[in-house]
Protein backbone atom coordinates (compact mmCIF):
# COMPACT_ATOMS: atom_id res chain seq x y z
CA MET A 1 71.99 145.79 158.84
CA LYS A 2 73.25 145.62 155.32
CA ILE A 3 73.28 143.10 152.47
CA LEU A 4 76.59 142.83 150.47
CA SER A 5 75.66 141.11 147.59
CA SER A 6 78.84 141.24 144.94
CA ALA A 7 82.03 139.94 145.37
CA ASN A 8 84.15 143.43 144.79
CA GLU A 9 81.75 145.01 147.49
CA ILE A 10 82.58 142.16 150.12
CA GLU A 11 86.50 142.55 149.89
CA LYS A 12 85.99 146.26 149.56
CA ASN A 13 84.59 146.31 153.08
CA ILE A 14 86.83 143.38 154.59
CA CYS A 15 90.21 145.69 153.53
CA ALA A 16 88.51 148.58 155.36
CA PHE A 17 87.59 146.82 158.32
CA ILE A 18 91.24 145.06 158.79
CA GLU A 19 92.45 148.76 158.68
CA LYS A 20 89.76 150.36 160.63
CA PHE A 21 89.56 148.18 163.72
CA ASP A 22 92.21 146.82 166.21
CA ASN A 23 90.97 143.55 166.33
CA ILE A 24 90.14 140.18 164.22
CA SER A 25 88.60 137.12 163.85
CA MET A 26 87.35 134.99 161.08
CA SER A 27 86.47 131.18 160.72
CA VAL A 28 86.05 130.27 157.07
CA ALA A 29 86.33 126.69 155.57
CA TRP A 30 89.17 128.33 152.81
CA ALA A 31 91.73 130.86 152.34
CA SER A 32 93.98 131.83 149.56
CA ALA A 33 97.01 134.19 149.11
CA ASN A 34 95.96 136.12 145.80
CA SER A 35 93.34 138.58 147.12
CA LYS A 36 93.72 142.11 147.87
CA ALA A 37 92.38 141.18 151.23
CA PHE A 38 95.20 138.78 151.68
CA LYS A 39 97.73 141.45 151.00
CA VAL A 40 96.09 144.03 153.43
CA LEU A 41 95.86 141.30 156.23
CA ILE A 42 99.40 140.39 156.27
CA GLU A 43 100.84 143.91 156.40
CA GLU A 44 102.51 143.62 159.92
CA LYS A 45 100.53 146.27 161.26
CA ASN A 46 97.23 144.37 160.74
CA LYS A 47 98.42 141.00 160.87
CA LYS A 48 99.21 141.52 164.83
CA LYS A 49 95.15 142.29 165.13
CA ILE A 50 94.30 138.79 164.20
CA GLN A 51 93.01 136.84 167.21
CA SER A 52 91.72 133.16 167.40
CA SER A 53 90.77 132.82 163.49
CA THR A 54 90.49 129.12 162.12
CA VAL A 55 90.84 128.26 158.54
CA GLY A 56 89.72 124.99 157.32
CA LEU A 57 91.84 122.39 155.23
CA HIS A 58 89.17 120.20 153.67
CA PHE A 59 89.38 119.07 150.11
CA TYR A 60 92.83 120.66 149.95
CA GLN A 61 91.15 123.94 148.81
CA THR A 62 93.27 126.28 151.15
CA ASP A 63 96.16 127.96 149.55
CA SER A 64 99.44 126.31 150.70
CA LYS A 65 101.00 130.27 150.41
CA PHE A 66 98.56 131.41 152.66
CA ILE A 67 99.55 128.74 155.15
CA GLU A 68 103.10 129.59 154.86
CA LYS A 69 102.14 132.96 156.27
CA PHE A 70 100.83 131.40 159.33
CA LEU A 71 103.61 128.75 160.22
CA ASP A 72 103.72 128.32 164.36
CA ASP A 73 101.19 131.05 164.81
CA GLU A 74 98.56 130.65 167.43
CA ARG A 75 96.88 133.56 166.49
CA LEU A 76 95.37 131.66 163.08
CA GLN A 77 95.31 127.84 163.25
CA PHE A 78 93.76 125.23 161.17
CA TYR A 79 91.25 122.74 161.17
CA THR A 80 89.58 119.49 159.32
CA LYS A 81 86.90 117.63 161.01
CA ASN A 82 87.11 113.45 160.94
CA LYS A 83 85.47 111.93 157.70
CA ASP A 84 82.48 110.93 159.19
CA GLU A 85 81.69 114.30 160.94
CA GLY A 86 81.03 116.59 157.99
CA VAL A 87 82.83 119.65 156.88
CA PHE A 88 84.09 122.56 158.55
CA HIS A 89 82.11 124.83 156.57
CA PRO A 90 81.08 128.08 158.53
CA LYS A 91 82.63 132.15 156.61
CA ILE A 92 82.05 134.39 159.86
CA TYR A 93 84.40 137.49 160.13
CA LEU A 94 84.29 139.65 163.32
CA PHE A 95 86.34 143.05 163.47
CA TRP A 96 86.01 145.17 166.72
CA ASN A 97 87.54 147.84 169.10
CA ASN A 98 85.39 147.04 172.01
CA GLU A 99 81.91 144.79 172.88
CA LYS A 100 80.19 148.16 171.99
CA ASP A 101 81.92 148.88 168.82
CA TRP A 102 82.52 146.34 166.58
CA VAL A 103 81.02 144.57 162.84
CA CYS A 104 80.34 141.30 161.77
CA LEU A 105 80.24 139.87 158.02
CA THR A 106 78.79 136.17 157.48
CA GLY A 107 77.32 134.56 154.72
CA SER A 108 78.79 132.44 151.52
CA ALA A 109 82.24 133.91 151.16
CA ASN A 110 85.54 132.47 152.00
CA PHE A 111 88.65 134.32 152.35
CA THR A 112 89.76 133.30 148.30
CA GLN A 113 90.37 135.20 145.49
CA SER A 114 87.53 133.85 143.82
CA ALA A 115 85.19 134.65 146.45
CA LEU A 116 86.14 138.32 146.94
CA THR A 117 87.17 139.07 143.08
CA LYS A 118 84.58 136.72 140.48
CA ASN A 119 81.73 134.62 142.23
CA ASP A 120 78.43 135.31 143.18
CA GLU A 121 78.26 135.46 146.81
CA ILE A 122 76.36 137.33 149.44
CA MET A 123 77.18 138.49 152.93
CA THR A 124 75.15 139.94 155.70
CA MET A 125 76.94 142.92 157.72
CA PHE A 126 75.81 143.91 161.09
CA ASP A 127 77.03 145.45 164.34
CA SER A 128 76.23 146.26 167.68
CA ASN A 129 73.09 148.03 166.60
CA ASP A 130 71.07 144.92 165.09
CA GLY A 131 70.25 143.51 168.56
CA VAL A 132 73.03 140.72 168.54
CA LYS A 133 75.51 140.62 171.34
CA PHE A 134 79.16 140.54 170.62
CA LYS A 135 79.92 137.53 173.62
CA GLU A 136 77.59 135.57 170.93
CA ILE A 137 79.45 136.28 167.89
CA LYS A 138 82.96 135.46 169.66
CA ASP A 139 81.92 132.41 171.53
CA ILE A 140 81.18 130.77 168.25
CA ILE A 141 84.10 131.90 166.95
CA ASP A 142 86.14 130.97 169.85
CA SER A 143 84.46 127.32 170.00
CA TYR A 144 85.79 126.67 166.30
CA TYR A 145 89.23 128.00 167.16
CA LEU A 146 89.35 125.28 170.39
CA LYS A 147 88.98 122.76 167.60
CA SER A 148 91.82 123.85 165.48
CA SER A 149 95.64 123.75 165.96
CA VAL A 150 98.84 125.23 164.91
CA MET A 151 100.03 124.65 161.50
CA THR A 152 104.13 123.57 161.74
CA GLN A 153 106.11 122.94 158.53
CA GLU A 154 106.15 119.33 159.00
CA LYS A 155 102.37 119.29 158.86
CA LEU A 156 102.49 121.70 155.86
CA ASN A 157 104.72 119.53 154.00
CA LYS A 158 102.35 116.49 154.46
CA TYR A 159 99.43 118.76 153.31
CA ILE A 160 101.72 119.66 150.24
CA ALA A 161 102.33 116.27 149.19
CA GLN A 162 98.80 114.84 149.98
CA SER A 163 97.31 117.79 147.77
CA LYS A 164 99.43 117.22 145.20
CA LYS A 165 98.74 113.56 145.04
CA ASN A 166 94.67 114.00 145.85
CA LYS A 167 95.24 116.51 142.15
CA LYS A 168 96.56 113.55 140.60
CA GLU A 169 94.31 111.01 141.42
CA THR A 170 90.98 113.17 140.52
CA LYS A 171 92.26 115.17 137.60
CA ASP A 172 90.20 113.64 135.59
CA ASN A 173 87.60 110.79 137.05
CA PHE A 174 87.73 110.88 140.53
CA ARG A 175 86.64 108.25 142.89
CA LEU A 176 84.33 109.38 145.76
CA ASN A 177 85.60 108.17 149.16
CA LYS A 178 81.75 108.03 150.65
CA SER A 179 78.40 107.30 148.69
CA ILE A 180 76.81 110.54 147.48
CA LYS A 181 73.29 108.54 149.23
CA ASP A 182 74.74 108.83 152.70
CA MET A 183 76.17 112.25 152.21
CA LYS A 184 74.90 115.25 154.58
CA TRP A 185 73.92 118.35 152.63
CA ASP A 186 77.32 120.37 154.04
CA GLU A 187 79.28 117.30 152.50
CA TYR A 188 77.53 117.01 149.14
CA TYR A 189 77.60 120.66 148.54
CA SER A 190 81.32 120.84 149.20
CA LEU A 191 81.74 118.09 146.73
CA LEU A 192 79.95 119.55 144.35
CA GLN A 193 81.53 122.94 144.70
CA GLU A 194 85.31 121.09 144.65
CA LYS A 195 84.76 118.23 142.13
CA SER A 196 81.68 119.26 139.86
CA ASN A 197 81.71 119.21 136.32
CA ARG A 198 80.87 123.07 135.16
CA LEU A 199 78.90 124.10 138.15
CA GLU A 200 78.32 127.70 137.31
CA GLU A 201 77.33 126.63 133.92
CA ARG A 202 74.88 124.05 134.79
CA LEU A 203 73.06 126.39 137.47
CA LYS A 204 72.55 129.15 135.05
CA LEU A 205 71.12 126.51 132.77
CA LEU A 206 68.47 125.21 135.46
CA THR A 207 67.73 128.89 136.42
CA LYS A 208 66.84 129.42 132.80
CA SER A 209 64.98 126.23 132.55
CA CYS A 210 63.14 127.13 136.08
CA GLU A 211 62.46 130.01 134.05
CA TYR A 212 60.79 128.87 130.99
CA PHE A 213 58.56 126.45 132.95
CA ASN A 214 57.66 129.46 135.25
CA GLN A 215 56.57 131.50 132.37
CA ASN A 216 54.45 128.83 129.90
CA THR A 217 53.56 125.18 129.49
CA PHE A 218 55.97 123.33 127.54
CA GLU A 219 53.37 123.61 124.67
CA ASN A 220 53.62 127.38 124.81
CA MET A 221 57.14 127.77 124.88
CA THR A 222 58.94 128.69 121.76
CA GLU A 223 60.01 125.69 119.55
CA LEU A 224 64.32 126.61 120.20
CA GLN A 225 62.78 126.85 124.37
CA ARG A 226 61.44 123.34 123.93
CA LYS A 227 64.28 122.05 121.99
CA ASN A 228 66.89 123.75 124.82
CA ILE A 229 64.47 122.07 127.59
CA ALA A 230 64.68 118.43 125.56
CA GLY A 231 68.69 118.65 125.29
CA VAL A 232 68.52 118.63 121.11
CA LEU A 233 69.93 121.80 120.83
CA LYS A 234 73.49 123.20 121.74
CA ARG A 235 73.19 126.70 121.91
CA GLY A 236 70.49 129.16 122.88
CA ASN A 237 69.22 132.11 125.08
CA SER A 238 72.71 133.07 126.29
CA ILE A 239 73.14 129.22 127.89
CA ASP A 240 76.25 128.13 125.84
CA ASP A 241 75.73 124.41 126.45
CA TRP A 242 72.36 122.96 126.20
CA PHE A 243 74.01 119.35 126.25
CA LEU A 244 74.78 119.70 129.99
CA PHE A 245 72.26 117.03 132.21
CA GLY A 246 72.07 114.73 128.89
CA HIS A 247 72.66 115.34 124.98
CA MET A 248 69.29 113.79 123.59
CA PRO A 249 71.09 113.10 119.92
CA SER A 250 67.75 111.06 118.78
CA GLN A 251 66.17 112.45 115.45
CA LEU A 252 62.82 110.75 116.47
CA PHE A 253 63.08 112.82 120.10
CA ALA A 254 63.64 115.82 118.07
CA ASN A 255 60.75 115.54 116.15
CA ARG A 256 58.57 115.06 118.77
CA VAL A 257 59.25 118.67 120.19
CA SER A 258 59.29 120.21 117.19
CA THR A 259 56.30 122.63 115.63
CA ASP A 260 56.82 120.65 112.20
CA ASP A 261 56.43 117.44 113.86
CA LYS A 262 54.74 115.16 111.28
CA ARG A 263 52.96 113.08 113.59
CA GLY A 264 50.87 116.23 113.76
CA GLU A 265 49.22 116.25 110.62
CA ARG A 266 45.35 115.72 109.34
CA GLY A 267 44.54 117.13 112.97
CA VAL A 268 46.16 114.69 114.99
CA VAL A 269 47.55 116.64 118.19
CA LYS A 270 51.38 117.13 118.05
CA SER A 271 53.39 115.38 120.07
CA TYR A 272 54.81 118.47 121.90
CA MET A 273 51.20 119.29 123.10
CA LYS A 274 50.84 115.83 124.56
CA ILE A 275 54.34 115.79 126.52
CA SER A 276 53.16 119.55 127.55
CA LYS A 277 49.92 117.74 128.82
CA ALA A 278 52.41 114.75 130.42
CA LEU A 279 54.34 117.62 132.11
CA ASP A 280 51.05 119.51 133.73
CA PHE A 281 51.25 116.43 136.24
CA ILE A 282 54.47 117.19 137.50
CA PRO A 283 53.59 120.38 139.69
CA LEU A 284 56.10 123.61 140.18
CA THR A 285 56.77 123.30 143.60
CA GLY A 286 56.44 120.74 146.57
CA GLU A 287 57.44 117.15 146.38
CA VAL A 288 56.46 115.06 143.67
CA SER A 289 54.36 112.07 144.33
CA LYS A 290 54.27 108.70 142.60
CA LYS A 291 51.04 109.04 141.37
CA ASN A 292 52.20 112.28 139.57
CA PHE A 293 55.11 110.57 138.16
CA ASP A 294 52.94 107.52 137.08
CA ASN A 295 50.51 110.29 135.27
CA TYR A 296 53.27 111.64 133.76
CA ILE A 297 54.65 108.52 132.58
CA ALA A 298 51.13 107.38 131.19
CA TYR A 299 51.90 109.20 128.15
CA PHE A 300 55.30 107.75 127.23
CA GLU A 301 54.36 104.42 127.53
CA GLU A 302 51.37 105.15 125.18
CA TYR A 303 53.62 106.25 122.73
CA SER A 304 56.43 103.50 122.85
CA GLY A 305 58.81 103.57 120.12
CA TRP A 306 58.52 107.80 119.25
CA GLY A 307 61.88 108.41 120.83
CA TYR A 308 60.75 108.40 124.53
CA SER A 309 63.94 106.31 126.04
CA LEU A 310 64.36 106.83 129.64
CA SER A 311 67.17 109.56 128.89
CA THR A 312 65.10 111.65 127.25
CA VAL A 313 61.58 111.24 129.78
CA SER A 314 64.23 111.65 132.68
CA ARG A 315 65.59 114.81 130.90
CA LEU A 316 62.02 116.63 130.86
CA LEU A 317 61.90 115.73 134.66
CA ALA A 318 65.26 117.21 135.39
CA MET A 319 64.48 120.22 133.75
CA LYS A 320 61.23 121.19 135.24
CA ARG A 321 61.89 120.01 138.43
CA PRO A 322 65.68 119.56 139.21
CA ASP A 323 65.33 119.50 143.16
CA GLN A 324 63.55 116.58 142.11
CA PHE A 325 64.69 114.30 139.73
CA PHE A 326 67.89 113.36 137.79
CA CYS A 327 68.46 112.64 133.91
CA VAL A 328 70.01 109.41 133.24
CA THR A 329 72.40 109.18 130.27
CA GLY A 330 74.68 106.42 128.37
CA ILE A 331 72.74 103.53 129.65
CA ASN A 332 73.39 101.78 126.32
CA ASN A 333 76.54 103.79 125.49
CA LYS A 334 79.75 101.31 124.63
CA GLU A 335 81.91 103.93 125.17
CA LYS A 336 80.59 104.20 128.49
CA LYS A 337 79.95 107.89 128.35
CA GLY A 338 77.50 109.52 130.33
CA ASN A 339 76.53 109.02 134.06
CA PHE A 340 74.81 105.64 134.12
CA ARG A 341 78.02 103.58 134.86
CA LYS A 342 78.86 105.56 138.15
CA LEU A 343 75.06 105.95 138.72
CA LYS A 344 74.53 101.95 138.84
CA ASP A 345 77.63 101.69 141.49
CA THR A 346 76.60 104.70 143.68
CA PHE A 347 72.86 103.44 143.98
CA LYS A 348 73.98 99.42 143.59
CA ILE A 349 71.79 98.68 140.27
CA ASN A 350 72.52 95.21 138.93
CA ASN A 351 71.67 95.72 135.18
CA LYS A 352 70.35 98.18 132.71
CA ILE A 353 67.19 100.21 133.72
CA LYS A 354 64.81 99.05 131.14
CA ILE A 355 61.32 100.44 132.38
CA TYR A 356 60.24 103.77 133.55
CA GLU A 357 59.05 102.09 137.10
CA GLN A 358 62.69 100.94 137.83
CA TYR A 359 63.68 104.86 137.37
CA TRP A 360 61.43 105.50 140.34
CA ASN A 361 62.29 102.32 142.53
CA GLU A 362 66.16 102.36 141.98
CA ILE A 363 66.95 105.86 141.68
CA ILE A 364 64.56 108.46 142.59
CA GLU A 365 62.98 106.79 146.02
CA PRO A 366 66.84 106.01 147.23
CA ILE A 367 67.63 109.48 146.35
CA ARG A 368 65.05 110.50 148.79
CA GLN A 369 66.71 108.74 151.32
CA ALA A 370 69.70 110.59 151.49
CA PRO A 371 70.43 113.40 154.16
CA TRP A 372 71.26 115.99 151.66
CA TYR A 373 68.32 115.25 149.65
CA LYS A 374 66.01 116.41 153.10
CA ALA A 375 68.03 119.09 154.02
CA SER A 376 66.31 121.91 154.53
CA LYS A 377 66.22 124.89 152.47
CA PRO A 378 69.34 126.91 152.81
CA THR A 379 69.17 130.82 154.00
CA ASN A 380 72.56 131.26 151.73
CA GLU A 381 71.72 132.21 148.30
CA GLN A 382 74.39 130.84 146.44
CA GLU A 383 73.73 127.06 148.50
CA PHE A 384 70.07 127.64 148.08
CA GLN A 385 70.77 128.22 144.05
CA VAL A 386 72.52 124.46 144.46
CA TRP A 387 69.80 123.20 146.55
CA ARG A 388 67.09 124.20 143.91
CA GLY A 389 68.42 122.07 141.40
CA ARG A 390 70.11 119.34 144.05
CA VAL A 391 68.94 115.95 142.64
CA ALA A 392 69.84 117.12 138.66
CA LEU A 393 73.33 118.75 140.17
CA MET A 394 74.34 114.63 140.79
CA ASP A 395 75.34 114.56 136.93
CA ALA A 396 78.05 117.16 137.51
CA LEU A 397 79.62 114.62 140.18
CA LEU A 398 78.52 111.31 138.14
CA TYR A 399 79.01 112.04 134.35
CA ASN A 400 82.07 110.59 132.54
CA ASN A 401 83.16 112.04 129.15
């Protein structure tokens, strides 16, 4: 067994196995026609090797040029699940000569140019020496194939037309066909991949934020790190835009996280130290309880008027525990920027959220009932990175600029 941890390594092995083995089967969510692996696959001598393969069509991510190469071809068919059944999302590749001579790759990489050239992907490669039976793998792939169907020119024409319509409707500001609250993990994860605003940058920011909190308390961070966490500075520490998940423009709040906070004169404990003590009530792991939250909030209620709006308070929570909390923005924004407008519709919030208690009751508690929130930790590394920030990442879907 071997772990392939780079796109180049994954594509290199796929190309080699296409050439080496007599038979090829795969089941992938999406495919495109502009990778080296695709060019190798469609060579006549290799295309003949394909058996019972399935490619998904969800979110119109599969390239029509890829589909064109397999029109009326029963060896490779296409599949879309019904809307209420989740998303077709496997990535598995099987190459074989016989039941004792085979190799399989499974993990995060689709058969797309992005997955095979630039994405952070990981695949597990194993063969007959690893204790897995060939028939078990083949049966899984065949079970997907039995649900798929041949692509005709008529179907492709409809797919292209609907794809163009979908892109036009969702170019700037898409509408969710299903409430985020009701989504299963596969649906939510796929939607983030397809529709999210700057997902890769957001994941890098959350990774850096978690590093800060794992290394130091808020008090012992550098002033630059505190201001990055607080969202009052745009650049720093290799992350291009710390305004993601909420730009906090309040000078009052910026002063509170500053080393030179004037509230700290004459021996008074500086504000960022008190914020740090409040944040200490939020554990780094495990589910955060209502008691943890109430203890955290107590400081901000005591010092109301110091720049501690719900946006600033929830921003700090989302940066420390993006798997548990969401930064609310744009509550009072007349230009309708931020995420509150869509958040309000999604969670059926009747009025503006004015107190911290409403934030817990009307946002955090409903989130905790969502199937995607309750999903178990994924084994796939790329999915895990999203799962680890799953609550904060709602902003990538709800933010309106």
